[in-house]
Amino acid sequence: MSTRSFRLLACAAALAACAAAHAAGPPPPPDSPLPAYDTLDADHDGIVTLPEITVHAPHLARRLAACDRNGDRTLTREEYARCGPAPVAHAPAH
């Protein structure tokens, strides 16, 4: 493959990635309502796991990980129902 062909291929790949990211739109604000519990249960086993969230709703991963009260990497319906807005990051004091 020539250098020119490689550069064109790399440019096309970068443009395709940008177009896909733009088409998805910006993530919702951190305090937006959460989707229904069942919509995050990708394998429909009745349990929402943090890996499912990371894959299917990456913009919610940090927010929902903070709701996992017992650290078992799953969210019960009760944990999910109590999950409020995303924690606010505070700037360090000077």
C-alpha atoms as a PDB file:
ATOM      1  CA  MET A   1       0.000   0.000   0.000  1.00  0.00           C
ATOM      2  CA  SER A   2       1.401   3.375  -0.946  1.00  0.00           C
ATOM      3  CA  THR A   3       1.813   6.188   1.561  1.00  0.00           C
ATOM      4  CA  ARG A   4      -0.841   8.206  -0.228  1.00  0.00           C
ATOM      5  CA  SER A   5      -3.341   5.333  -0.082  1.00  0.00           C
ATOM      6  CA  PHE A   6      -2.608   4.812   3.588  1.00  0.00           C
ATOM      7  CA  ARG A   7      -3.154   8.508   4.344  1.00  0.00           C
ATOM      8  CA  LEU A   8      -6.450   8.524   2.442  1.00  0.00           C
ATOM      9  CA  LEU A   9      -7.616   5.419   4.276  1.00  0.00           C
ATOM     10  CA  ALA A  10      -6.648   6.896   7.661  1.00  0.00           C
ATOM     11  CA  CYS A  11      -8.435  10.153   6.830  1.00  0.00           C
ATOM     12  CA  ALA A  12     -11.573   8.299   5.745  1.00  0.00           C
ATOM     13  CA  ALA A  13     -11.567   6.260   8.954  1.00  0.00           C
ATOM     14  CA  ALA A  14     -11.191   9.402  11.067  1.00  0.00           C
ATOM     15  CA  LEU A  15     -14.046  11.113   9.239  1.00  0.00           C
ATOM     16  CA  ALA A  16     -16.276   8.072   9.677  1.00  0.00           C
ATOM     17  CA  ALA A  17     -15.547   7.998  13.418  1.00  0.00           C
ATOM     18  CA  CYS A  18     -16.345  11.709  13.744  1.00  0.00           C
ATOM     19  CA  ALA A  19     -19.570  11.307  11.801  1.00  0.00           C
ATOM     20  CA  ALA A  20     -20.673   8.415  14.008  1.00  0.00           C
ATOM     21  CA  ALA A  21     -19.928  10.369  17.185  1.00  0.00           C
ATOM     22  CA  HIS A  22     -21.792  13.407  15.870  1.00  0.00           C
ATOM     23  CA  ALA A  23     -24.804  11.321  14.828  1.00  0.00           C
ATOM     24  CA  ALA A  24     -25.093   9.898  18.334  1.00  0.00           C
ATOM     25  CA  GLY A  25     -25.485  13.412  19.708  1.00  0.00           C
ATOM     26  CA  PRO A  26     -24.240  14.779  22.974  1.00  0.00           C
ATOM     27  CA  PRO A  27     -24.853  12.795  26.157  1.00  0.00           C
ATOM     28  CA  PRO A  28     -27.742  13.974  28.299  1.00  0.00           C
ATOM     29  CA  PRO A  29     -26.951  16.303  31.211  1.00  0.00           C
ATOM     30  CA  PRO A  30     -25.853  14.552  34.434  1.00  0.00           C
ATOM     31  CA  ASP A  31     -29.060  15.463  36.264  1.00  0.00           C
ATOM     32  CA  SER A  32     -31.368  14.167  33.531  1.00  0.00           C
ATOM     33  CA  PRO A  33     -33.897  11.456  34.399  1.00  0.00           C
ATOM     34  CA  LEU A  34     -32.606   7.896  34.232  1.00  0.00           C
ATOM     35  CA  PRO A  35     -33.957   5.497  31.619  1.00  0.00           C
ATOM     36  CA  ALA A  36     -36.240   2.682  32.727  1.00  0.00           C
ATOM     37  CA  TYR A  37     -34.386  -0.071  34.627  1.00  0.00           C
ATOM     38  CA  ASP A  38     -35.403  -2.764  32.129  1.00  0.00           C
ATOM     39  CA  THR A  39     -33.933  -0.831  29.182  1.00  0.00           C
ATOM     40  CA  LEU A  40     -30.446  -1.187  30.695  1.00  0.00           C
ATOM     41  CA  ASP A  41     -30.809  -4.950  31.240  1.00  0.00           C
ATOM     42  CA  ALA A  42     -29.244  -5.921  27.912  1.00  0.00           C
ATOM     43  CA  ASP A  43     -29.394  -9.691  28.396  1.00  0.00           C
ATOM     44  CA  HIS A  44     -32.896  -9.587  29.969  1.00  0.00           C
ATOM     45  CA  ASP A  45     -31.905 -11.633  33.006  1.00  0.00           C
ATOM     46  CA  GLY A  46     -33.556  -9.232  35.456  1.00  0.00           C
ATOM     47  CA  ILE A  47     -30.230  -7.872  36.742  1.00  0.00           C
ATOM     48  CA  VAL A  48     -28.522  -4.691  35.571  1.00  0.00           C
ATOM     49  CA  THR A  49     -24.751  -5.041  35.777  1.00  0.00           C
ATOM     50  CA  LEU A  50     -22.174  -2.280  35.568  1.00  0.00           C
ATOM     51  CA  PRO A  51     -20.627  -3.891  32.453  1.00  0.00           C
ATOM     52  CA  GLU A  52     -24.050  -3.728  30.750  1.00  0.00           C
ATOM     53  CA  ILE A  53     -24.283  -0.054  31.628  1.00  0.00           C
ATOM     54  CA  THR A  54     -20.745   0.632  30.411  1.00  0.00           C
ATOM     55  CA  VAL A  55     -21.503  -0.930  27.026  1.00  0.00           C
ATOM     56  CA  HIS A  56     -25.073   0.242  26.462  1.00  0.00           C
ATOM     57  CA  ALA A  57     -25.150   3.578  28.329  1.00  0.00           C
ATOM     58  CA  PRO A  58     -21.536   4.706  28.790  1.00  0.00           C
ATOM     59  CA  HIS A  59     -22.640   8.274  29.584  1.00  0.00           C
ATOM     60  CA  LEU A  60     -24.347   6.875  32.722  1.00  0.00           C
ATOM     61  CA  ALA A  61     -21.596   4.509  33.873  1.00  0.00           C
ATOM     62  CA  ARG A  62     -19.986   6.741  36.531  1.00  0.00           C
ATOM     63  CA  ARG A  63     -23.332   7.979  37.827  1.00  0.00           C
ATOM     64  CA  LEU A  64     -24.754   4.481  38.205  1.00  0.00           C
ATOM     65  CA  ALA A  65     -21.554   2.964  39.606  1.00  0.00           C
ATOM     66  CA  ALA A  66     -21.901   5.401  42.507  1.00  0.00           C
ATOM     67  CA  CYS A  67     -25.358   3.912  43.191  1.00  0.00           C
ATOM     68  CA  ASP A  68     -23.999   0.387  43.667  1.00  0.00           C
ATOM     69  CA  ARG A  69     -24.234   0.539  47.474  1.00  0.00           C
ATOM     70  CA  ASN A  70     -22.798  -2.914  48.226  1.00  0.00           C
ATOM     71  CA  GLY A  71     -20.084  -2.916  45.541  1.00  0.00           C
ATOM     72  CA  ASP A  72     -21.224  -6.122  43.823  1.00  0.00           C
ATOM     73  CA  ARG A  73     -21.120  -4.483  40.342  1.00  0.00           C
ATOM     74  CA  THR A  74     -24.866  -4.968  39.912  1.00  0.00           C
ATOM     75  CA  LEU A  75     -27.754  -2.616  40.538  1.00  0.00           C
ATOM     76  CA  THR A  76     -30.865  -3.909  42.225  1.00  0.00           C
ATOM     77  CA  ARG A  77     -34.121  -2.171  41.428  1.00  0.00           C
ATOM     78  CA  GLU A  78     -33.942  -0.573  44.883  1.00  0.00           C
ATOM     79  CA  GLU A  79     -30.416   0.798  44.306  1.00  0.00           C
ATOM     80  CA  TYR A  80     -31.483   2.072  40.906  1.00  0.00           C
ATOM     81  CA  ALA A  81     -34.626   3.728  42.282  1.00  0.00           C
ATOM     82  CA  ARG A  82     -32.552   5.611  44.896  1.00  0.00           C
ATOM     83  CA  CYS A  83     -29.980   6.747  42.349  1.00  0.00           C
ATOM     84  CA  GLY A  84     -30.227  10.499  42.121  1.00  0.00           C
ATOM     85  CA  PRO A  85     -28.409  13.070  40.060  1.00  0.00           C
ATOM     86  CA  ALA A  86     -24.723  12.608  39.352  1.00  0.00           C
ATOM     87  CA  PRO A  87     -22.377  13.678  42.128  1.00  0.00           C
ATOM     88  CA  VAL A  88     -20.967  17.155  41.642  1.00  0.00           C
ATOM     89  CA  ALA A  89     -17.205  17.377  41.236  1.00  0.00           C
ATOM     90  CA  HIS A  90     -15.822  20.034  43.550  1.00  0.00           C
ATOM     91  CA  ALA A  91     -12.788  22.102  42.668  1.00  0.00           C
ATOM     92  CA  PRO A  92      -9.942  21.856  45.187  1.00  0.00           C
ATOM     93  CA  ALA A  93      -9.777  24.693  47.698  1.00  0.00           C
ATOM     94  CA  HIS A  94      -6.972  27.174  47.251  1.00  0.00           C
END
